[in-house]
Amino acid sequence: MNKRTNGAQGEAEARAFLEGKGAKILEMNWRRPTGEIDIIARQGKTLLFVEVKRRASLRYGRPAEAVDKAKQAHILRTAALYVQEHGLSDAPMRFDVIEVLPDEIRHIEGAFDATGFW
């Protein structure tokens, strides 16, 4: 399985997981020059900006460890554009990571925040 197929499969699993928790998916793979957000959803009044990381094993650590400060900055900049374009600056927001492993889906709510960014 190539990297793109692997990622798409992980995102599909994460989408189904979020929908199972009552989230409404607004966007998948939302791209701008600043980066991409894998999933944008709404859970209640809260906007979720979700990075999905899929791995076949823990050999190289937890998938969420790949969401470093640089990746977080890309997500935050891209989320700011989404909020601006959709007039949602007053909406509560959360930045999550979903790890997809062969036998586990782990949802890390509030994996990082925008404190000091906006």
PDB file of N, CA and C in Angstrom:
ATOM      1  N   MET A   1       0.848  -1.169   0.000  1.00  0.00           N
ATOM      2  CA  MET A   1       0.000   0.000   0.000  1.00  0.00           C
ATOM      3  C   MET A   1       0.901   1.241   0.000  1.00  0.00           C
ATOM      4  N   ASN A   2       0.628   2.168  -0.928  1.00  0.00           N
ATOM      5  CA  ASN A   2       1.455   3.367  -0.969  1.00  0.00           C
ATOM      6  C   ASN A   2       1.019   4.378   0.084  1.00  0.00           C
ATOM      7  N   LYS A   3       1.830   5.411   0.265  1.00  0.00           N
ATOM      8  CA  LYS A   3       1.606   6.389   1.336  1.00  0.00           C
ATOM      9  C   LYS A   3       0.256   7.099   1.196  1.00  0.00           C
ATOM     10  N   ARG A   4      -0.109   7.473  -0.025  1.00  0.00           N
ATOM     11  CA  ARG A   4      -1.367   8.189  -0.253  1.00  0.00           C
ATOM     12  C   ARG A   4      -2.574   7.296   0.071  1.00  0.00           C
ATOM     13  N   THR A   5      -2.526   6.045  -0.377  1.00  0.00           N
ATOM     14  CA  THR A   5      -3.610   5.102  -0.094  1.00  0.00           C
ATOM     15  C   THR A   5      -3.704   4.833   1.402  1.00  0.00           C
ATOM     16  N   ASN A   6      -2.566   4.659   2.038  1.00  0.00           N
ATOM     17  CA  ASN A   6      -2.511   4.430   3.474  1.00  0.00           C
ATOM     18  C   ASN A   6      -3.141   5.604   4.229  1.00  0.00           C
ATOM     19  N   GLY A   7      -2.778   6.817   3.833  1.00  0.00           N
ATOM     20  CA  GLY A   7      -3.328   8.012   4.476  1.00  0.00           C
ATOM     21  C   GLY A   7      -4.826   8.133   4.267  1.00  0.00           C
ATOM     22  N   ALA A   8      -5.284   7.882   3.044  1.00  0.00           N
ATOM     23  CA  ALA A   8      -6.713   7.976   2.743  1.00  0.00           C
ATOM     24  C   ALA A   8      -7.515   6.952   3.549  1.00  0.00           C
ATOM     25  N   GLN A   9      -6.967   5.770   3.713  1.00  0.00           N
ATOM     26  CA  GLN A   9      -7.649   4.744   4.496  1.00  0.00           C
ATOM     27  C   GLN A   9      -7.738   5.166   5.967  1.00  0.00           C
ATOM     28  N   GLY A  10      -6.649   5.703   6.487  1.00  0.00           N
ATOM     29  CA  GLY A  10      -6.659   6.189   7.870  1.00  0.00           C
ATOM     30  C   GLY A  10      -7.660   7.309   8.070  1.00  0.00           C
ATOM     31  N   GLU A  11      -7.744   8.228   7.099  1.00  0.00           N
ATOM     32  CA  GLU A  11      -8.693   9.342   7.196  1.00  0.00           C
ATOM     33  C   GLU A  11     -10.131   8.841   7.134  1.00  0.00           C
ATOM     34  N   ALA A  12     -10.392   7.828   6.319  1.00  0.00           N
ATOM     35  CA  ALA A  12     -11.737   7.256   6.247  1.00  0.00           C
ATOM     36  C   ALA A  12     -12.116   6.608   7.582  1.00  0.00           C
ATOM     37  N   GLU A  13     -11.178   5.905   8.197  1.00  0.00           N
ATOM     38  CA  GLU A  13     -11.437   5.293   9.499  1.00  0.00           C
ATOM     39  C   GLU A  13     -11.669   6.366  10.566  1.00  0.00           C
ATOM     40  N   ALA A  14     -10.877   7.428  10.525  1.00  0.00           N
ATOM     41  CA  ALA A  14     -11.029   8.521  11.487  1.00  0.00           C
ATOM     42  C   ALA A  14     -12.371   9.227  11.293  1.00  0.00           C
ATOM     43  N   ARG A  15     -12.752   9.423  10.048  1.00  0.00           N
ATOM     44  CA  ARG A  15     -14.052  10.059   9.757  1.00  0.00           C
ATOM     45  C   ARG A  15     -15.186   9.239  10.361  1.00  0.00           C
ATOM     46  N   ALA A  16     -15.182   7.936  10.104  1.00  0.00           N
ATOM     47  CA  ALA A  16     -16.231   7.061  10.639  1.00  0.00           C
ATOM     48  C   ALA A  16     -16.235   7.092  12.163  1.00  0.00           C
ATOM     49  N   PHE A  17     -15.048   7.127  12.760  1.00  0.00           N
ATOM     50  CA  PHE A  17     -14.918   7.192  14.212  1.00  0.00           C
ATOM     51  C   PHE A  17     -15.564   8.472  14.753  1.00  0.00           C
ATOM     52  N   LEU A  18     -15.241   9.612  14.135  1.00  0.00           N
ATOM     53  CA  LEU A  18     -15.805  10.890  14.573  1.00  0.00           C
ATOM     54  C   LEU A  18     -17.324  10.930  14.387  1.00  0.00           C
ATOM     55  N   GLU A  19     -17.793  10.436  13.255  1.00  0.00           N
ATOM     56  CA  GLU A  19     -19.232  10.418  13.006  1.00  0.00           C
ATOM     57  C   GLU A  19     -19.937   9.545  14.053  1.00  0.00           C
ATOM     58  N   GLY A  20     -19.279   8.461  14.448  1.00  0.00           N
ATOM     59  CA  GLY A  20     -19.817   7.594  15.490  1.00  0.00           C
ATOM     60  C   GLY A  20     -19.922   8.297  16.836  1.00  0.00           C
ATOM     61  N   LYS A  21     -19.104   9.340  17.027  1.00  0.00           N
ATOM     62  CA  LYS A  21     -19.157  10.129  18.261  1.00  0.00           C
ATOM     63  C   LYS A  21     -20.086  11.339  18.115  1.00  0.00           C
ATOM     64  N   GLY A  22     -20.809  11.401  16.996  1.00  0.00           N
ATOM     65  CA  GLY A  22     -21.778  12.468  16.801  1.00  0.00           C
ATOM     66  C   GLY A  22     -21.259  13.711  16.122  1.00  0.00           C
ATOM     67  N   ALA A  23     -20.047  13.682  15.617  1.00  0.00           N
ATOM     68  CA  ALA A  23     -19.496  14.855  14.925  1.00  0.00           C
ATOM     69  C   ALA A  23     -20.048  14.930  13.501  1.00  0.00           C
ATOM     70  N   LYS A  24     -20.234  16.146  13.018  1.00  0.00           N
ATOM     71  CA  LYS A  24     -20.654  16.379  11.637  1.00  0.00           C
ATOM     72  C   LYS A  24     -19.415  16.788  10.846  1.00  0.00           C
ATOM     73  N   ILE A  25     -19.076  16.026   9.833  1.00  0.00           N
ATOM     74  CA  ILE A  25     -17.899  16.326   9.017  1.00  0.00           C
ATOM     75  C   ILE A  25     -18.230  17.484   8.084  1.00  0.00           C
ATOM     76  N   LEU A  26     -17.407  18.529   8.133  1.00  0.00           N
ATOM     77  CA  LEU A  26     -17.597  19.703   7.278  1.00  0.00           C
ATOM     78  C   LEU A  26     -16.684  19.655   6.052  1.00  0.00           C
ATOM     79  N   GLU A  27     -15.456  19.205   6.252  1.00  0.00           N
ATOM     80  CA  GLU A  27     -14.466  19.166   5.165  1.00  0.00           C
ATOM     81  C   GLU A  27     -13.511  18.003   5.383  1.00  0.00           C
ATOM     82  N   MET A  28     -13.035  17.462   4.278  1.00  0.00           N
ATOM     83  CA  MET A  28     -11.966  16.460   4.295  1.00  0.00           C
ATOM     84  C   MET A  28     -10.838  17.004   3.421  1.00  0.00           C
ATOM     85  N   ASN A  29      -9.620  16.909   3.906  1.00  0.00           N
ATOM     86  CA  ASN A  29      -8.437  17.333   3.144  1.00  0.00           C
ATOM     87  C   ASN A  29      -8.566  18.767   2.631  1.00  0.00           C
ATOM     88  N   TRP A  30      -8.871  19.671   3.545  1.00  0.00           N
ATOM     89  CA  TRP A  30      -9.038  21.084   3.197  1.00  0.00           C
ATOM     90  C   TRP A  30      -7.663  21.710   3.015  1.00  0.00           C
ATOM     91  N   ARG A  31      -7.381  22.176   1.790  1.00  0.00           N
ATOM     92  CA  ARG A  31      -6.042  22.673   1.452  1.00  0.00           C
ATOM     93  C   ARG A  31      -6.042  24.166   1.150  1.00  0.00           C
ATOM     94  N   ARG A  32      -4.962  24.769   1.587  1.00  0.00           N
ATOM     95  CA  ARG A  32      -4.631  26.147   1.249  1.00  0.00           C
ATOM     96  C   ARG A  32      -3.114  26.195   1.132  1.00  0.00           C
ATOM     97  N   PRO A  33      -2.545  27.289   0.627  1.00  0.00           N
ATOM     98  CA  PRO A  33      -1.082  27.357   0.504  1.00  0.00           C
ATOM     99  C   PRO A  33      -0.345  27.160   1.833  1.00  0.00           C
ATOM    100  N   THR A  34      -1.024  27.425   2.957  1.00  0.00           N
ATOM    101  CA  THR A  34      -0.402  27.282   4.273  1.00  0.00           C
ATOM    102  C   THR A  34      -0.325  25.834   4.743  1.00  0.00           C
ATOM    103  N   GLY A  35      -1.101  24.951   4.118  1.00  0.00           N
ATOM    104  CA  GLY A  35      -1.092  23.545   4.518  1.00  0.00           C
ATOM    105  C   GLY A  35      -2.430  22.882   4.281  1.00  0.00           C
ATOM    106  N   GLU A  36      -2.597  21.739   4.923  1.00  0.00           N
ATOM    107  CA  GLU A  36      -3.815  20.944   4.772  1.00  0.00           C
ATOM    108  C   GLU A  36      -4.309  20.506   6.146  1.00  0.00           C
ATOM    109  N   ILE A  37      -5.617  20.471   6.276  1.00  0.00           N
ATOM    110  CA  ILE A  37      -6.237  19.911   7.473  1.00  0.00           C
ATOM    111  C   ILE A  37      -6.981  18.669   7.028  1.00  0.00           C
ATOM    112  N   ASP A  38      -6.667  17.546   7.650  1.00  0.00           N
ATOM    113  CA  ASP A  38      -7.248  16.273   7.231  1.00  0.00           C
ATOM    114  C   ASP A  38      -8.763  16.257   7.380  1.00  0.00           C
ATOM    115  N   ILE A  39      -9.247  16.662   8.550  1.00  0.00           N
ATOM    116  CA  ILE A  39     -10.692  16.661   8.802  1.00  0.00           C
ATOM    117  C   ILE A  39     -11.062  17.933   9.564  1.00  0.00           C
ATOM    118  N   ILE A  40     -12.123  18.582   9.086  1.00  0.00           N
ATOM    119  CA  ILE A  40     -12.725  19.683   9.824  1.00  0.00           C
ATOM    120  C   ILE A  40     -14.143  19.231  10.137  1.00  0.00           C
ATOM    121  N   ALA A  41     -14.496  19.280  11.401  1.00  0.00           N
ATOM    122  CA  ALA A  41     -15.805  18.793  11.830  1.00  0.00           C
ATOM    123  C   ALA A  41     -16.392  19.735  12.857  1.00  0.00           C
ATOM    124  N   ARG A  42     -17.660  19.514  13.139  1.00  0.00           N
ATOM    125  CA  ARG A  42     -18.339  20.258  14.188  1.00  0.00           C
ATOM    126  C   ARG A  42     -18.932  19.238  15.149  1.00  0.00           C
ATOM    127  N   GLN A  43     -18.640  19.436  16.418  1.00  0.00           N
ATOM    128  CA  GLN A  43     -19.220  18.601  17.464  1.00  0.00           C
ATOM    129  C   GLN A  43     -19.908  19.550  18.426  1.00  0.00           C
ATOM    130  N   GLY A  44     -21.231  19.561  18.403  1.00  0.00           N
ATOM    131  CA  GLY A  44     -21.963  20.588  19.124  1.00  0.00           C
ATOM    132  C   GLY A  44     -21.647  21.919  18.471  1.00  0.00           C
ATOM    133  N   LYS A  45     -21.210  22.881  19.260  1.00  0.00           N
ATOM    134  CA  LYS A  45     -20.838  24.195  18.720  1.00  0.00           C
ATOM    135  C   LYS A  45     -19.344  24.307  18.432  1.00  0.00           C
ATOM    136  N   THR A  46     -18.582  23.278  18.782  1.00  0.00           N
ATOM    137  CA  THR A  46     -17.127  23.331  18.676  1.00  0.00           C
ATOM    138  C   THR A  46     -16.640  22.869  17.314  1.00  0.00           C
ATOM    139  N   LEU A  47     -15.761  23.670  16.707  1.00  0.00           N
ATOM    140  CA  LEU A  47     -15.088  23.278  15.466  1.00  0.00           C
ATOM    141  C   LEU A  47     -13.903  22.399  15.819  1.00  0.00           C
ATOM    142  N   LEU A  48     -13.783  21.282  15.149  1.00  0.00           N
ATOM    143  CA  LEU A  48     -12.649  20.383  15.349  1.00  0.00           C
ATOM    144  C   LEU A  48     -11.759  20.435  14.122  1.00  0.00           C
ATOM    145  N   PHE A  49     -10.485  20.672  14.344  1.00  0.00           N
ATOM    146  CA  PHE A  49      -9.479  20.600  13.288  1.00  0.00           C
ATOM    147  C   PHE A  49      -8.638  19.379  13.630  1.00  0.00           C
ATOM    148  N   VAL A  50      -8.719  18.364  12.777  1.00  0.00           N
ATOM    149  CA  VAL A  50      -8.179  17.051  13.125  1.00  0.00           C
ATOM    150  C   VAL A  50      -7.064  16.627  12.172  1.00  0.00           C
ATOM    151  N   GLU A  51      -5.939  16.275  12.755  1.00  0.00           N
ATOM    152  CA  GLU A  51      -4.819  15.680  12.014  1.00  0.00           C
ATOM    153  C   GLU A  51      -4.893  14.174  12.239  1.00  0.00           C
ATOM    154  N   VAL A  52      -4.848  13.415  11.160  1.00  0.00           N
ATOM    155  CA  VAL A  52      -4.924  11.958  11.236  1.00  0.00           C
ATOM    156  C   VAL A  52      -3.552  11.379  10.929  1.00  0.00           C
ATOM    157  N   LYS A  53      -3.098  10.486  11.789  1.00  0.00           N
ATOM    158  CA  LYS A  53      -1.828   9.794  11.583  1.00  0.00           C
ATOM    159  C   LYS A  53      -2.079   8.296  11.666  1.00  0.00           C
ATOM    160  N   ARG A  54      -1.725   7.604  10.602  1.00  0.00           N
ATOM    161  CA  ARG A  54      -1.917   6.151  10.547  1.00  0.00           C
ATOM    162  C   ARG A  54      -0.564   5.469  10.448  1.00  0.00           C
ATOM    163  N   ARG A  55      -0.408   4.422  11.231  1.00  0.00           N
ATOM    164  CA  ARG A  55       0.827   3.633  11.195  1.00  0.00           C
ATOM    165  C   ARG A  55       0.489   2.151  11.317  1.00  0.00           C
ATOM    166  N   ALA A  56       1.379   1.329  10.780  1.00  0.00           N
ATOM    167  CA  ALA A  56       1.201  -0.121  10.844  1.00  0.00           C
ATOM    168  C   ALA A  56       1.634  -0.686  12.187  1.00  0.00           C
ATOM    169  N   SER A  57       2.493   0.053  12.897  1.00  0.00           N
ATOM    170  CA  SER A  57       2.974  -0.428  14.193  1.00  0.00           C
ATOM    171  C   SER A  57       3.493   0.758  15.001  1.00  0.00           C
ATOM    172  N   LEU A  58       3.930   0.463  16.205  1.00  0.00           N
ATOM    173  CA  LEU A  58       4.525   1.489  17.071  1.00  0.00           C
ATOM    174  C   LEU A  58       6.048   1.466  16.998  1.00  0.00           C
ATOM    175  N   ARG A  59       6.565   0.797  16.014  1.00  0.00           N
ATOM    176  CA  ARG A  59       8.023   0.643  15.882  1.00  0.00           C
ATOM    177  C   ARG A  59       8.768   1.978  15.952  1.00  0.00           C
ATOM    178  N   TYR A  60       8.180   2.998  15.347  1.00  0.00           N
ATOM    179  CA  TYR A  60       8.835   4.314  15.336  1.00  0.00           C
ATOM    180  C   TYR A  60       8.148   5.305  16.274  1.00  0.00           C
ATOM    181  N   GLY A  61       7.429   4.788  17.256  1.00  0.00           N
ATOM    182  CA  GLY A  61       6.758   5.643  18.224  1.00  0.00           C
ATOM    183  C   GLY A  61       5.287   5.831  17.905  1.00  0.00           C
ATOM    184  N   ARG A  62       4.610   6.566  18.773  1.00  0.00           N
ATOM    185  CA  ARG A  62       3.189   6.849  18.585  1.00  0.00           C
ATOM    186  C   ARG A  62       3.014   7.747  17.367  1.00  0.00           C
ATOM    187  N   PRO A  63       1.978   7.527  16.585  1.00  0.00           N
ATOM    188  CA  PRO A  63       1.747   8.380  15.412  1.00  0.00           C
ATOM    189  C   PRO A  63       1.647   9.864  15.746  1.00  0.00           C
ATOM    190  N   ALA A  64       1.043  10.198  16.872  1.00  0.00           N
ATOM    191  CA  ALA A  64       0.875  11.612  17.240  1.00  0.00           C
ATOM    192  C   ALA A  64       2.203  12.330  17.434  1.00  0.00           C
ATOM    193  N   GLU A  65       3.257  11.589  17.709  1.00  0.00           N
ATOM    194  CA  GLU A  65       4.574  12.215  17.885  1.00  0.00           C
ATOM    195  C   GLU A  65       5.057  12.901  16.611  1.00  0.00           C
ATOM    196  N   ALA A  66       4.472  12.527  15.466  1.00  0.00           N
ATOM    197  CA  ALA A  66       4.844  13.146  14.194  1.00  0.00           C
ATOM    198  C   ALA A  66       4.206  14.524  14.019  1.00  0.00           C
ATOM    199  N   VAL A  67       3.284  14.883  14.900  1.00  0.00           N
ATOM    200  CA  VAL A  67       2.643  16.200  14.825  1.00  0.00           C
ATOM    201  C   VAL A  67       3.462  17.154  15.694  1.00  0.00           C
ATOM    202  N   ASP A  68       4.599  17.540  15.143  1.00  0.00           N
ATOM    203  CA  ASP A  68       5.539  18.393  15.872  1.00  0.00           C
ATOM    204  C   ASP A  68       5.120  19.863  15.777  1.00  0.00           C
ATOM    205  N   LYS A  69       5.921  20.734  16.358  1.00  0.00           N
ATOM    206  CA  LYS A  69       5.592  22.168  16.382  1.00  0.00           C
ATOM    207  C   LYS A  69       5.440  22.753  14.974  1.00  0.00           C
ATOM    208  N   ALA A  70       6.262  22.314  14.039  1.00  0.00           N
ATOM    209  CA  ALA A  70       6.162  22.816  12.671  1.00  0.00           C
ATOM    210  C   ALA A  70       4.831  22.403  12.042  1.00  0.00           C
ATOM    211  N   LYS A  71       4.443  21.154  12.218  1.00  0.00           N
ATOM    212  CA  LYS A  71       3.170  20.664  11.679  1.00  0.00           C
ATOM    213  C   LYS A  71       2.015  21.391  12.356  1.00  0.00           C
ATOM    214  N   GLN A  72       2.109  21.581  13.657  1.00  0.00           N
ATOM    215  CA  GLN A  72       1.071  22.308  14.380  1.00  0.00           C
ATOM    216  C   GLN A  72       0.911  23.720  13.827  1.00  0.00           C
ATOM    217  N   ALA A  73       2.024  24.379  13.532  1.00  0.00           N
ATOM    218  CA  ALA A  73       1.979  25.745  12.989  1.00  0.00           C
ATOM    219  C   ALA A  73       1.268  25.770  11.639  1.00  0.00           C
ATOM    220  N   HIS A  74       1.521  24.783  10.780  1.00  0.00           N
ATOM    221  CA  HIS A  74       0.831  24.701   9.483  1.00  0.00           C
ATOM    222  C   HIS A  74      -0.674  24.531   9.699  1.00  0.00           C
ATOM    223  N   ILE A  75      -1.041  23.658  10.623  1.00  0.00           N
ATOM    224  CA  ILE A  75      -2.461  23.418  10.906  1.00  0.00           C
ATOM    225  C   ILE A  75      -3.105  24.693  11.460  1.00  0.00           C
ATOM    226  N   LEU A  76      -2.443  25.356  12.383  1.00  0.00           N
ATOM    227  CA  LEU A  76      -2.990  26.585  12.973  1.00  0.00           C
ATOM    228  C   LEU A  76      -3.169  27.680  11.920  1.00  0.00           C
ATOM    229  N   ARG A  77      -2.182  27.862  11.053  1.00  0.00           N
ATOM    230  CA  ARG A  77      -2.301  28.880   9.993  1.00  0.00           C
ATOM    231  C   ARG A  77      -3.453  28.543   9.041  1.00  0.00           C
ATOM    232  N   THR A  78      -3.578  27.279   8.712  1.00  0.00           N
ATOM    233  CA  THR A  78      -4.629  26.851   7.793  1.00  0.00           C
ATOM    234  C   THR A  78      -5.995  26.957   8.458  1.00  0.00           C
ATOM    235  N   ALA A  79      -6.081  26.602   9.724  1.00  0.00           N
ATOM    236  CA  ALA A  79      -7.338  26.746  10.468  1.00  0.00           C
ATOM    237  C   ALA A  79      -7.755  28.216  10.532  1.00  0.00           C
ATOM    238  N   ALA A  80      -6.799  29.105  10.714  1.00  0.00           N
ATOM    239  CA  ALA A  80      -7.106  30.542  10.755  1.00  0.00           C
ATOM    240  C   ALA A  80      -7.745  30.989   9.440  1.00  0.00           C
ATOM    241  N   LEU A  81      -7.257  30.471   8.322  1.00  0.00           N
ATOM    242  CA  LEU A  81      -7.851  30.803   7.022  1.00  0.00           C
ATOM    243  C   LEU A  81      -9.268  30.249   6.916  1.00  0.00           C
ATOM    244  N   TYR A  82      -9.457  29.021   7.379  1.00  0.00           N
ATOM    245  CA  TYR A  82     -10.795  28.418   7.339  1.00  0.00           C
ATOM    246  C   TYR A  82     -11.780  29.261   8.147  1.00  0.00           C
ATOM    247  N   VAL A  83     -11.380  29.618   9.345  1.00  0.00           N
ATOM    248  CA  VAL A  83     -12.230  30.422  10.230  1.00  0.00           C
ATOM    249  C   VAL A  83     -12.550  31.761   9.576  1.00  0.00           C
ATOM    250  N   GLN A  84     -11.543  32.391   8.993  1.00  0.00           N
ATOM    251  CA  GLN A  84     -11.734  33.681   8.336  1.00  0.00           C
ATOM    252  C   GLN A  84     -12.667  33.551   7.125  1.00  0.00           C
ATOM    253  N   GLU A  85     -12.415  32.571   6.273  1.00  0.00           N
ATOM    254  CA  GLU A  85     -13.210  32.392   5.055  1.00  0.00           C
ATOM    255  C   GLU A  85     -14.673  32.059   5.349  1.00  0.00           C
ATOM    256  N   HIS A  86     -14.921  31.414   6.486  1.00  0.00           N
ATOM    257  CA  HIS A  86     -16.275  30.977   6.819  1.00  0.00           C
ATOM    258  C   HIS A  86     -16.934  31.838   7.903  1.00  0.00           C
ATOM    259  N   GLY A  87     -16.279  32.917   8.309  1.00  0.00           N
ATOM    260  CA  GLY A  87     -16.857  33.831   9.294  1.00  0.00           C
ATOM    261  C   GLY A  87     -17.165  33.161  10.627  1.00  0.00           C
ATOM    262  N   LEU A  88     -16.234  32.338  11.094  1.00  0.00           N
ATOM    263  CA  LEU A  88     -16.454  31.559  12.316  1.00  0.00           C
ATOM    264  C   LEU A  88     -15.537  31.965  13.470  1.00  0.00           C
ATOM    265  N   SER A  89     -15.103  33.205  13.474  1.00  0.00           N
ATOM    266  CA  SER A  89     -14.113  33.619  14.467  1.00  0.00           C
ATOM    267  C   SER A  89     -14.613  33.518  15.906  1.00  0.00           C
ATOM    268  N   ASP A  90     -15.922  33.487  16.114  1.00  0.00           N
ATOM    269  CA  ASP A  90     -16.460  33.374  17.471  1.00  0.00           C
ATOM    270  C   ASP A  90     -16.688  31.931  17.903  1.00  0.00           C
ATOM    271  N   ALA A  91     -16.506  30.984  17.001  1.00  0.00           N
ATOM    272  CA  ALA A  91     -16.771  29.575  17.330  1.00  0.00           C
ATOM    273  C   ALA A  91     -15.661  29.014  18.215  1.00  0.00           C
ATOM    274  N   PRO A  92     -16.031  28.228  19.226  1.00  0.00           N
ATOM    275  CA  PRO A  92     -14.993  27.535  19.994  1.00  0.00           C
ATOM    276  C   PRO A  92     -14.304  26.520  19.085  1.00  0.00           C
ATOM    277  N   MET A  93     -13.003  26.358  19.265  1.00  0.00           N
ATOM    278  CA  MET A  93     -12.211  25.474  18.406  1.00  0.00           C
ATOM    279  C   MET A  93     -11.384  24.512  19.231  1.00  0.00           C
ATOM    280  N   ARG A  94     -11.098  23.361  18.624  1.00  0.00           N
ATOM    281  CA  ARG A  94     -10.236  22.382  19.273  1.00  0.00           C
ATOM    282  C   ARG A  94      -9.372  21.744  18.191  1.00  0.00           C
ATOM    283  N   PHE A  95      -8.117  21.474  18.558  1.00  0.00           N
ATOM    284  CA  PHE A  95      -7.158  20.866  17.642  1.00  0.00           C
ATOM    285  C   PHE A  95      -6.835  19.463  18.147  1.00  0.00           C
ATOM    286  N   ASP A  96      -7.278  18.473  17.388  1.00  0.00           N
ATOM    287  CA  ASP A  96      -7.167  17.080  17.792  1.00  0.00           C
ATOM    288  C   ASP A  96      -6.234  16.303  16.878  1.00  0.00           C
ATOM    289  N   VAL A  97      -5.773  15.172  17.388  1.00  0.00           N
ATOM    290  CA  VAL A  97      -5.035  14.201  16.577  1.00  0.00           C
ATOM    291  C   VAL A  97      -5.737  12.860  16.749  1.00  0.00           C
ATOM    292  N   ILE A  98      -5.924  12.173  15.639  1.00  0.00           N
ATOM    293  CA  ILE A  98      -6.442  10.810  15.696  1.00  0.00           C
ATOM    294  C   ILE A  98      -5.364   9.883  15.169  1.00  0.00           C
ATOM    295  N   GLU A  99      -4.970   8.950  16.022  1.00  0.00           N
ATOM    296  CA  GLU A  99      -4.001   7.917  15.653  1.00  0.00           C
ATOM    297  C   GLU A  99      -4.771   6.686  15.193  1.00  0.00           C
ATOM    298  N   VAL A 100      -4.397   6.178  14.032  1.00  0.00           N
ATOM    299  CA  VAL A 100      -5.022   4.963  13.520  1.00  0.00           C
ATOM    300  C   VAL A 100      -3.945   3.896  13.418  1.00  0.00           C
ATOM    301  N   LEU A 101      -4.134   2.835  14.195  1.00  0.00           N
ATOM    302  CA  LEU A 101      -3.244   1.673  14.192  1.00  0.00           C
ATOM    303  C   LEU A 101      -4.073   0.449  13.807  1.00  0.00           C
ATOM    304  N   PRO A 102      -3.438  -0.660  13.459  1.00  0.00           N
ATOM    305  CA  PRO A 102      -4.211  -1.831  13.027  1.00  0.00           C
ATOM    306  C   PRO A 102      -5.285  -2.282  14.015  1.00  0.00           C
ATOM    307  N   ASP A 103      -5.035  -2.159  15.305  1.00  0.00           N
ATOM    308  CA  ASP A 103      -5.996  -2.644  16.290  1.00  0.00           C
ATOM    309  C   ASP A 103      -6.470  -1.558  17.255  1.00  0.00           C
ATOM    310  N   GLU A 104      -6.313  -0.301  16.851  1.00  0.00           N
ATOM    311  CA  GLU A 104      -6.639   0.785  17.778  1.00  0.00           C
ATOM    312  C   GLU A 104      -6.855   2.098  17.042  1.00  0.00           C
ATOM    313  N   ILE A 105      -7.868   2.842  17.483  1.00  0.00           N
ATOM    314  CA  ILE A 105      -8.033   4.236  17.082  1.00  0.00           C
ATOM    315  C   ILE A 105      -7.997   5.032  18.380  1.00  0.00           C
ATOM    316  N   ARG A 106      -7.094   5.983  18.423  1.00  0.00           N
ATOM    317  CA  ARG A 106      -6.916   6.794  19.625  1.00  0.00           C
ATOM    318  C   ARG A 106      -7.166   8.251  19.269  1.00  0.00           C
ATOM    319  N   HIS A 107      -8.163   8.848  19.918  1.00  0.00           N
ATOM    320  CA  HIS A 107      -8.540  10.236  19.665  1.00  0.00           C
ATOM    321  C   HIS A 107      -7.959  11.095  20.781  1.00  0.00           C
ATOM    322  N   ILE A 108      -7.033  11.959  20.427  1.00  0.00           N
ATOM    323  CA  ILE A 108      -6.415  12.851  21.400  1.00  0.00           C
ATOM    324  C   ILE A 108      -7.073  14.223  21.243  1.00  0.00           C
ATOM    325  N   GLU A 109      -8.054  14.474  22.091  1.00  0.00           N
ATOM    326  CA  GLU A 109      -8.764  15.739  22.046  1.00  0.00           C
ATOM    327  C   GLU A 109      -7.891  16.837  22.647  1.00  0.00           C
ATOM    328  N   GLY A 110      -7.853  17.982  21.972  1.00  0.00           N
ATOM    329  CA  GLY A 110      -7.034  19.083  22.459  1.00  0.00           C
ATOM    330  C   GLY A 110      -5.560  18.737  22.483  1.00  0.00           C
ATOM    331  N   ALA A 111      -5.098  18.061  21.448  1.00  0.00           N
ATOM    332  CA  ALA A 111      -3.697  17.623  21.376  1.00  0.00           C
ATOM    333  C   ALA A 111      -2.737  18.822  21.427  1.00  0.00           C
ATOM    334  N   PHE A 112      -3.170  19.940  20.903  1.00  0.00           N
ATOM    335  CA  PHE A 112      -2.423  21.195  20.990  1.00  0.00           C
ATOM    336  C   PHE A 112      -3.424  22.319  20.888  1.00  0.00           C
ATOM    337  N   ASP A 113      -2.994  23.535  21.199  1.00  0.00           N
ATOM    338  CA  ASP A 113      -3.928  24.653  21.136  1.00  0.00           C
ATOM    339  C   ASP A 113      -3.304  25.848  20.441  1.00  0.00           C
ATOM    340  N   ALA A 114      -4.124  26.867  20.304  1.00  0.00           N
ATOM    341  CA  ALA A 114      -3.701  28.067  19.585  1.00  0.00           C
ATOM    342  C   ALA A 114      -3.243  29.181  20.517  1.00  0.00           C
ATOM    343  N   THR A 115      -2.991  28.861  21.770  1.00  0.00           N
ATOM    344  CA  THR A 115      -2.549  29.866  22.725  1.00  0.00           C
ATOM    345  C   THR A 115      -1.314  30.588  22.193  1.00  0.00           C
ATOM    346  N   GLY A 116      -1.419  31.899  22.128  1.00  0.00           N
ATOM    347  CA  GLY A 116      -0.292  32.689  21.653  1.00  0.00           C
ATOM    348  C   GLY A 116      -0.163  32.755  20.143  1.00  0.00           C
ATOM    349  N   PHE A 117      -1.037  32.039  19.435  1.00  0.00           N
ATOM    350  CA  PHE A 117      -0.935  32.018  17.965  1.00  0.00           C
ATOM    351  C   PHE A 117      -1.780  33.098  17.329  1.00  0.00           C
ATOM    352  N   TRP A 118      -3.013  33.250  17.792  1.00  0.00           N
ATOM    353  CA  TRP A 118      -3.961  34.161  17.136  1.00  0.00           C
ATOM    354  C   TRP A 118      -3.564  35.568  17.346  1.00  0.00           C
TER     355      TRP A 118
END
